[in-house]
Protein backbone atom coordinates (compact mmCIF):
# COMPACT_ATOMS: atom_id res chain seq x y z
CA LEU A 1 223.87 -46.91 186.50
CA PHE A 2 222.08 -46.38 189.82
CA PHE A 3 225.41 -46.80 191.60
CA ILE A 4 226.84 -44.01 189.42
CA PHE A 5 223.83 -41.73 190.21
CA GLY A 6 224.46 -42.23 193.90
CA PHE A 7 228.22 -41.84 193.81
CA VAL A 8 228.23 -38.59 191.81
CA THR A 9 225.21 -37.11 193.60
CA TRP A 10 226.30 -37.75 197.17
CA LEU A 11 229.87 -36.62 196.57
CA ASN A 12 228.36 -33.12 196.86
CA GLY A 13 227.83 -33.57 200.61
CA SER A 14 231.59 -33.76 201.11
CA LEU A 15 232.32 -31.15 198.46
CA ILE A 16 230.21 -28.42 200.14
CA PRO A 17 232.21 -27.96 203.40
CA PHE A 18 235.39 -28.55 201.35
CA LEU A 19 234.62 -25.73 198.87
CA LYS A 20 233.40 -23.57 201.76
CA LEU A 21 237.00 -23.70 203.03
CA ILE A 22 238.98 -23.35 199.80
CA CYS A 23 236.71 -20.70 198.21
CA GLU A 24 236.04 -18.96 201.59
CA LEU A 25 232.23 -18.98 201.36
CA ASN A 26 229.31 -18.47 203.75
CA GLU A 27 226.57 -21.13 204.17
CA PHE A 28 224.33 -19.65 201.44
CA GLN A 29 227.17 -19.43 198.91
CA ALA A 30 228.37 -22.96 199.75
CA LEU A 31 224.92 -24.38 199.00
CA LEU A 32 225.10 -23.02 195.44
CA VAL A 33 226.83 -26.39 194.90
CA THR A 34 223.44 -28.11 195.22
CA PHE A 35 221.76 -25.35 193.17
CA ALA A 36 224.14 -25.72 190.21
CA PHE A 37 223.88 -29.51 190.29
CA TYR A 38 220.11 -29.93 190.69
CA ILE A 39 218.95 -26.98 188.56
CA ALA A 40 220.41 -28.94 185.62
CA TYR A 41 217.57 -31.46 186.09
CA THR A 42 214.94 -28.74 185.69
CA LEU A 43 216.54 -27.00 182.74
CA MET A 44 217.56 -30.19 180.90
CA ALA A 45 214.76 -32.70 181.66
CA LEU A 46 212.49 -31.84 178.70
CA PRO A 47 215.36 -31.37 176.18
CA MET A 48 216.81 -34.71 177.32
CA SER A 49 213.42 -36.44 176.95
CA PHE A 50 213.39 -35.31 173.30
CA VAL A 51 216.98 -36.61 172.91
CA LEU A 52 215.83 -39.97 174.32
CA LYS A 53 213.04 -40.15 171.72
CA ARG A 54 215.63 -39.80 168.97
CA THR A 55 218.37 -42.00 170.41
CA GLY A 56 216.45 -44.68 172.33
CA TYR A 57 217.28 -45.68 175.89
CA LYS A 58 220.63 -47.36 175.35
CA ASN A 59 222.26 -44.65 173.20
CA GLY A 60 220.73 -41.98 175.43
CA MET A 61 222.30 -43.50 178.54
CA ALA A 62 225.69 -43.71 176.79
CA LEU A 63 225.36 -40.03 175.82
CA GLY A 64 224.49 -39.09 179.42
CA LEU A 65 227.62 -40.87 180.69
CA ALA A 66 229.75 -39.11 178.05
CA ILE A 67 228.45 -35.71 179.23
CA MET A 68 229.39 -36.71 182.79
CA VAL A 69 232.95 -37.51 181.63
CA LEU A 70 233.19 -33.91 180.42
CA GLY A 71 231.82 -32.61 183.74
CA SER A 72 234.39 -34.64 185.71
CA LEU A 73 237.28 -33.33 183.59
CA LEU A 74 236.12 -29.72 184.19
CA PHE A 75 237.19 -30.18 187.82
CA ILE A 76 240.82 -29.97 186.64
CA PRO A 77 240.64 -26.28 185.55
CA ALA A 78 238.33 -25.62 188.52
CA ALA A 79 240.94 -26.91 190.99
CA LYS A 80 243.82 -25.20 189.16
CA THR A 81 242.14 -21.77 189.14
CA GLY A 82 240.26 -22.08 192.45
CA HIS A 83 237.35 -20.13 190.90
CA TYR A 84 234.01 -21.08 192.43
CA PHE A 85 232.16 -20.39 189.16
CA VAL A 86 234.24 -23.04 187.33
CA PHE A 87 233.37 -25.57 190.08
CA LEU A 88 229.68 -24.70 189.66
CA THR A 89 229.92 -25.07 185.86
CA ALA A 90 231.48 -28.53 186.27
CA LEU A 91 228.67 -29.54 188.63
CA PHE A 92 226.02 -28.27 186.18
CA VAL A 93 227.52 -30.38 183.37
CA LEU A 94 227.59 -33.45 185.66
CA GLY A 95 223.94 -32.81 186.56
CA SER A 96 223.02 -32.50 182.86
CA GLY A 97 224.50 -35.91 182.11
CA LEU A 98 222.69 -37.44 185.07
CA THR A 99 219.40 -35.93 183.86
CA ILE A 100 219.27 -38.08 180.72
CA LEU A 101 220.19 -41.18 182.76
CA GLN A 102 217.46 -40.49 185.35
CA THR A 103 214.81 -39.65 182.72
CA ALA A 104 215.43 -43.03 181.07
CA SER A 105 216.02 -45.30 184.04
CA ASN A 106 213.20 -44.54 186.51
CA PRO A 107 210.22 -45.20 184.19
CA TYR A 108 212.20 -48.18 182.84
CA VAL A 109 212.27 -49.74 186.33
CA VAL A 110 208.56 -48.92 186.89
CA LYS A 111 207.40 -50.37 183.55
CA ILE A 112 209.61 -53.47 183.35
CA GLY A 113 207.35 -55.48 185.72
CA PRO A 114 204.02 -55.46 187.65
CA GLU A 115 202.86 -52.01 188.80
CA SER A 116 202.05 -53.19 192.36
CA SER A 117 205.70 -54.11 193.02
CA ALA A 118 207.29 -51.10 191.27
CA ALA A 119 208.21 -49.48 194.61
CA MET A 120 210.00 -52.68 195.61
CA ARG A 121 212.05 -52.63 192.38
CA ILE A 122 212.92 -48.94 192.80
CA SER A 123 213.88 -49.75 196.42
CA ILE A 124 216.41 -52.28 195.10
CA MET A 125 217.81 -49.58 192.79
CA GLY A 126 217.81 -47.22 195.77
CA LEU A 127 219.87 -49.68 197.80
CA ILE A 128 222.54 -49.65 195.10
CA ASN A 129 222.27 -45.86 194.77
CA LYS A 130 222.64 -45.20 198.50
CA ALA A 131 225.39 -47.80 198.92
CA ALA A 132 227.36 -45.54 196.57
CA GLY A 133 226.26 -42.61 198.74
CA VAL A 134 227.83 -44.30 201.77
CA LEU A 135 231.04 -44.98 199.85
CA ALA A 136 231.48 -41.56 198.18
CA PRO A 137 232.06 -39.38 201.31
CA ALA A 138 234.30 -42.04 202.87
CA LEU A 139 236.41 -42.27 199.69
CA PHE A 140 236.49 -38.46 199.37
CA THR A 141 237.79 -38.13 202.93
CA ALA A 142 240.38 -40.90 202.39
CA LEU A 143 241.65 -39.73 198.97
CA VAL A 144 241.42 -35.94 199.26
CA LEU A 145 241.86 -35.13 202.94
CA SER A 146 244.20 -37.85 204.23
CA GLY A 147 247.56 -36.48 205.33
CA MET A 148 246.31 -32.90 205.08
CA GLY A 149 246.42 -32.31 208.85
CA ASP A 150 243.99 -29.83 210.37
CA TYR A 151 241.59 -28.30 207.84
CA SER A 152 239.04 -26.72 210.20
CA GLU A 153 237.83 -23.16 209.65
CA SER A 154 239.35 -22.02 212.95
CA TYR A 155 242.76 -23.42 211.97
CA MET A 156 242.61 -21.83 208.50
CA ALA A 157 241.65 -18.47 210.05
CA SER A 158 244.68 -18.64 212.39
CA LEU A 159 247.19 -18.89 209.50
CA SER A 160 248.98 -15.99 207.85
CA ASP A 161 247.72 -14.97 204.40
CA ALA A 162 250.60 -16.75 202.63
CA ALA A 163 250.26 -19.95 204.70
CA ARG A 164 246.48 -19.99 204.22
CA GLN A 165 246.82 -19.60 200.45
CA ALA A 166 249.36 -22.45 200.37
CA LYS A 167 246.95 -24.67 202.32
CA ILE A 168 244.08 -23.75 199.95
CA ASP A 169 246.25 -24.57 196.90
CA GLU A 170 247.19 -27.91 198.45
CA LEU A 171 243.56 -28.78 199.14
CA SER A 172 242.46 -27.69 195.63
CA ASN A 173 245.08 -29.81 193.87
CA ALA A 174 244.06 -32.85 195.91
CA LEU A 175 240.72 -32.80 194.04
CA ILE A 176 242.24 -33.46 190.61
CA GLY A 177 243.18 -37.14 191.00
CA PRO A 178 239.77 -38.43 192.20
CA TYR A 179 237.84 -36.60 189.45
CA VAL A 180 240.23 -37.79 186.73
CA ALA A 181 239.71 -41.34 188.02
CA MET A 182 235.93 -40.80 187.96
CA ALA A 183 236.14 -39.57 184.35
CA ALA A 184 238.04 -42.74 183.39
CA VAL A 185 235.44 -45.01 185.04
CA LEU A 186 232.58 -43.12 183.35
CA ALA A 187 234.33 -43.39 179.96
CA ALA A 188 234.60 -47.16 180.42
CA LEU A 189 230.88 -47.27 181.28
CA VAL A 190 230.03 -45.44 178.03
CA ALA A 191 231.49 -48.39 176.11
CA PHE A 192 229.87 -50.91 178.48
CA VAL A 193 226.35 -49.44 178.00
CA LYS A 194 226.83 -48.89 174.26
CA PHE A 195 227.66 -52.56 173.65
CA SER A 196 225.37 -54.12 176.29
CA ASN A 197 222.20 -56.05 175.43
CA LEU A 198 219.96 -53.71 177.45
CA PRO A 199 216.46 -54.16 175.97
CA GLU A 200 214.40 -51.20 174.77
CA LEU A 201 211.01 -50.47 176.35
CA GLU A 202 208.10 -50.90 173.97
CA SER A 203 206.72 -47.47 173.10
CA GLU A 204 203.14 -46.92 174.20
CA GLN A 205 202.73 -44.08 171.71
CA GLU A 206 201.25 -46.26 169.00
CA GLU A 207 199.17 -48.50 171.25
CA VAL A 208 196.83 -45.79 172.56
CA ALA A 209 194.74 -43.48 170.40
CA ASP A 210 195.55 -39.77 170.81
CA ASP A 211 193.12 -38.40 173.39
CA GLY A 212 194.31 -34.81 172.95
CA ARG A 213 195.12 -34.45 176.66
CA SER A 214 198.21 -32.61 177.85
CA ILE A 215 200.33 -33.97 180.69
CA MET A 216 199.11 -31.08 182.86
CA SER A 217 195.58 -32.53 182.81
CA PHE A 218 196.70 -35.47 185.00
CA PRO A 219 196.60 -34.22 188.63
CA GLN A 220 198.31 -37.34 189.99
CA VAL A 221 201.51 -36.63 188.03
CA VAL A 222 201.50 -32.82 188.42
CA LEU A 223 200.99 -33.12 192.20
CA GLY A 224 203.53 -35.97 192.13
CA ALA A 225 206.12 -33.63 190.57
CA VAL A 226 205.51 -31.22 193.47
CA ALA A 227 205.97 -34.16 195.87
CA ILE A 228 209.29 -34.98 194.16
CA PHE A 229 210.25 -31.28 194.50
CA PHE A 230 209.75 -31.33 198.28
CA TYR A 231 211.19 -34.82 198.69
CA VAL A 232 214.43 -34.15 196.80
CA GLY A 233 214.74 -30.81 198.61
CA ILE A 234 214.64 -32.40 202.05
CA GLU A 235 216.71 -35.41 200.90
CA VAL A 236 219.48 -33.09 199.73
CA ILE A 237 219.21 -30.99 202.89
CA ALA A 238 219.55 -34.13 205.04
CA GLY A 239 222.47 -35.52 203.02
CA ASP A 240 224.37 -32.40 201.99
CA THR A 241 224.00 -30.06 204.99
CA ILE A 242 224.79 -32.59 207.74
CA GLY A 243 228.49 -31.86 207.09
CA LEU A 244 227.93 -28.11 207.47
CA TYR A 245 225.86 -28.66 210.62
CA GLY A 246 228.52 -30.97 212.08
CA GLN A 247 231.20 -28.44 211.13
CA SER A 248 229.31 -25.70 213.02
CA LEU A 249 229.17 -27.91 216.14
CA GLY A 250 232.86 -28.81 215.96
CA VAL A 251 232.34 -32.47 214.97
CA THR A 252 235.76 -33.69 213.85
CA ASN A 253 234.67 -36.07 211.07
CA TYR A 254 232.21 -33.61 209.46
CA ALA A 255 233.39 -34.33 205.87
CA ALA A 256 232.20 -37.95 206.18
CA LEU A 257 228.83 -37.24 207.86
CA THR A 258 226.85 -37.67 204.61
CA SER A 259 227.66 -41.39 204.94
CA TYR A 260 225.60 -41.54 208.15
CA THR A 261 222.49 -40.23 206.35
CA MET A 262 223.10 -42.67 203.48
CA VAL A 263 223.43 -45.67 205.82
CA PHE A 264 220.00 -44.88 207.30
CA MET A 265 218.57 -44.51 203.78
CA VAL A 266 219.93 -47.97 202.96
CA VAL A 267 218.09 -49.31 206.04
CA GLY A 268 214.91 -47.62 204.75
CA TYR A 269 215.30 -49.19 201.30
CA LEU A 270 215.80 -52.61 202.88
CA ILE A 271 212.44 -52.11 204.60
CA GLY A 272 210.95 -51.24 201.18
CA VAL A 273 212.42 -54.31 199.49
CA THR A 274 211.14 -56.69 202.18
CA CYS A 275 207.79 -55.07 203.05
CA ILE A 276 206.33 -53.62 199.79
CA PRO A 277 203.79 -54.84 198.70
CA ARG A 278 203.76 -57.87 201.05
CA PHE A 279 203.06 -56.03 204.31
CA ILE A 280 202.51 -52.37 203.38
CA SER A 281 201.23 -50.64 200.25
CA GLN A 282 203.11 -47.95 198.35
CA GLN A 283 200.64 -45.36 199.69
CA GLN A 284 201.11 -46.48 203.32
CA ALA A 285 204.89 -46.28 202.88
CA LEU A 286 204.55 -42.67 201.72
CA VAL A 287 202.29 -41.63 204.62
CA GLY A 288 204.55 -43.35 207.17
CA SER A 289 207.61 -41.62 205.70
CA ALA A 290 205.99 -38.18 206.01
CA VAL A 291 205.02 -38.69 209.66
CA ALA A 292 208.48 -40.06 210.56
CA GLY A 293 210.11 -37.09 208.83
CA ILE A 294 208.10 -34.57 210.85
CA LEU A 295 209.11 -36.34 214.08
CA CYS A 296 212.80 -36.29 213.07
CA VAL A 297 212.73 -32.54 212.32
CA ILE A 298 211.28 -31.96 215.81
CA GLY A 299 214.17 -34.08 217.12
CA VAL A 300 216.80 -32.00 215.27
CA LEU A 301 215.41 -28.77 216.75
CA THR A 302 214.87 -29.96 220.33
CA SER A 303 217.58 -32.56 221.11
CA SER A 304 221.03 -32.01 222.60
CA THR A 305 224.00 -30.78 220.57
CA ASP A 306 226.41 -32.13 223.22
CA SER A 307 225.08 -35.55 224.27
CA THR A 308 225.87 -38.53 222.02
CA LEU A 309 223.43 -40.88 223.81
CA MET A 310 221.44 -41.84 220.67
CA ALA A 311 224.57 -42.62 218.66
CA ASP A 312 226.04 -44.56 221.62
CA VAL A 313 222.94 -46.78 221.69
CA LEU A 314 222.49 -47.14 217.90
CA TRP A 315 226.08 -47.80 216.81
CA GLY A 316 228.53 -46.73 219.53
CA TRP A 317 229.28 -50.39 220.25
CA SER A 318 230.55 -50.87 216.66
CA GLY A 319 233.56 -48.55 216.94
CA ILE A 320 232.13 -46.11 214.35
CA ALA A 321 232.54 -42.48 215.48
CA THR A 322 229.55 -41.16 217.44
CA ILE A 323 227.89 -37.78 216.80
CA PRO A 324 225.64 -35.44 218.87
CA ASP A 325 221.94 -36.34 219.20
CA SER A 326 220.79 -33.38 217.09
CA VAL A 327 223.09 -34.44 214.21
CA THR A 328 221.88 -38.05 214.64
CA PHE A 329 218.30 -36.86 213.97
CA VAL A 330 219.52 -35.23 210.71
CA ALA A 331 221.01 -38.61 209.73
CA LEU A 332 217.74 -40.34 210.72
CA LEU A 333 215.90 -38.16 208.18
CA GLY A 334 217.49 -40.53 205.64
CA LEU A 335 215.58 -43.45 207.16
CA ALA A 336 212.38 -41.39 207.43
CA HIS A 337 212.13 -40.45 203.75
CA ALA A 338 213.91 -43.38 202.06
CA LEU A 339 210.65 -44.81 200.67
CA VAL A 340 209.25 -41.53 199.28
CA TRP A 341 210.93 -41.75 195.84
CA PRO A 342 210.00 -45.45 195.31
CA ALA A 343 206.39 -44.75 196.38
CA VAL A 344 205.77 -41.51 194.43
CA TRP A 345 206.89 -42.81 191.01
CA PRO A 346 204.34 -45.63 190.59
CA LEU A 347 201.56 -43.58 192.25
CA ALA A 348 202.21 -40.62 189.92
CA LEU A 349 202.60 -42.64 186.69
CA THR A 350 199.42 -44.71 187.22
CA GLY A 351 197.01 -44.39 184.29
CA LEU A 352 199.23 -42.19 182.06
CA GLY A 353 199.50 -44.66 179.16
CA LYS A 354 201.25 -43.00 176.21
CA HIS A 355 201.91 -39.93 178.37
CA THR A 356 204.33 -41.90 180.59
CA ALA A 357 207.50 -40.43 179.01
CA GLN A 358 206.20 -36.87 179.47
CA GLY A 359 205.10 -37.71 183.00
CA SER A 360 208.58 -39.02 183.75
CA ALA A 361 210.19 -35.82 182.44
CA LEU A 362 207.80 -33.76 184.61
CA LEU A 363 208.73 -35.80 187.70
CA ILE A 364 212.44 -35.38 186.88
CA MET A 365 211.87 -31.59 186.71
CA GLY A 366 210.63 -31.84 190.29
CA ILE A 367 214.26 -32.59 191.23
CA ALA A 368 214.61 -28.77 191.17
CA GLY A 369 213.73 -29.02 194.86
CA GLY A 370 217.32 -30.13 195.37
CA ALA A 371 218.46 -26.83 193.83
CA LEU A 372 216.14 -24.41 195.62
CA LEU A 373 215.25 -25.75 199.07
CA PRO A 374 218.87 -26.15 200.30
CA LEU A 375 219.32 -22.46 199.41
CA ALA A 376 216.35 -21.70 201.69
CA TYR A 377 218.10 -23.76 204.38
CA GLY A 378 221.37 -21.86 203.76
CA GLN A 379 219.66 -18.47 203.91
CA ILE A 380 217.91 -19.27 207.21
CA ALA A 381 221.15 -20.66 208.69
CA HIS A 382 223.16 -17.65 207.51
CA THR A 383 220.72 -14.92 208.62
CA THR A 384 219.90 -16.48 212.03
CA GLY A 385 223.45 -17.66 212.74
CA ASP A 386 221.93 -20.99 213.85
CA THR A 387 222.56 -23.86 211.43
CA SER A 388 219.88 -26.06 213.04
CA LEU A 389 217.04 -23.59 212.32
CA GLY A 390 217.46 -24.24 208.58
CA TYR A 391 215.80 -27.62 209.16
CA LEU A 392 212.47 -25.82 209.74
CA VAL A 393 212.07 -26.16 205.94
CA GLY A 394 211.46 -29.87 206.64
CA PHE A 395 208.02 -29.21 208.14
CA ILE A 396 206.76 -27.82 204.80
CA CYS A 397 208.35 -30.70 202.83
CA TYR A 398 206.97 -33.53 204.95
CA GLY A 399 203.61 -31.76 205.36
CA TYR A 400 203.09 -31.76 201.58
CA LEU A 401 204.24 -35.39 201.27
CA LEU A 402 201.62 -36.31 203.88
CA TYR A 403 198.96 -34.55 201.76
CA TYR A 404 200.06 -36.36 198.58
CA GLY A 405 200.08 -39.74 200.33
CA LEU A 406 196.59 -39.26 201.81
CA ILE A 407 194.78 -37.28 199.08
CA GLY A 408 196.86 -35.94 196.16
CA HIS A 409 197.79 -39.22 194.44
CA LYS A 410 194.09 -40.22 194.16
CA LYS A 411 193.02 -37.17 192.14
CA ARG A 412 192.19 -37.91 188.51
CA ALA A 413 190.64 -34.53 187.56
CA TRP A 414 191.22 -30.94 188.60
């Protein structure tokens, strides 16, 4: 399931510059892809938590996968018509299906074992999730864009109206096959989950007397939801705008750049698996992530857009394509914040008891950061004409995460 989350989610990074071409969009309009996908989490988290109460975890997960099948199939009319709104509708449906899966799976991983090692378990899930994130852009580039020739904005602009429309139609139709295949895989997973022996979590509702408290009276989870908001916002910016940024600098393999961010996130999760709680605590991991993120944002804004020195040193020897230093710092954001999600969940859910399910839904609603903050990035990039300045949003995101790691997660009363 975590592989599916990663694959579907990080396909967006390749889809954004792709739709920017075929629907002829500016940066702000292109980032409505992330808005449509992530706003589903905010709008659907509480309804889906009520669905989970009625269906249980296993049936709820099967239902979530079935909704994602529908979302994948909606890409067929989207590609056939070329209407951006139909693409956004398909992405919203996909996001709605993922919401029920996320609402069930994250507290499940936290509660299935000792609280002190919850971040380590979520890191293992994150490894699987981000491995899919590495694979998705590479597969997208191979399946959709192979044999298409030049598909840069400058080339498209140089074509006659008829030739450009023919190229757009060709690119649009190339989307159909991969999304039909994804629908088939998801349909098979519906049956797999439905008939698996996945155990149910014991409900804590009956074990604890009703104390009359609302979920909003627990500062650690409310402030944690804000932390998730800023984290997912900057995670999506790092993963989904690196292609746009590379495109603006003339990087040839811009459609696959999301994979670079994902590889660094995988490295970060490996650190989490091996070091938490043996060498560092969940709280220390969060503070370290925030500081590293701030340093990387400074790197994006101040380093060279021509030199590839950092990439030459880090992986140039491997034969993998190198990228400018400034783009490398965007990819390194993945390493910087990889441990935020695994650290925030156990810190925020500590002491909630029977309120854990509500707390989980509240944290899932924080995923709205992935809908709103990339739009802020897109607006800054569009109005200034400088794609790198959009990363200024990162200072606010990492600044708040530093506060939550040092102070916010300890609060037990307002």
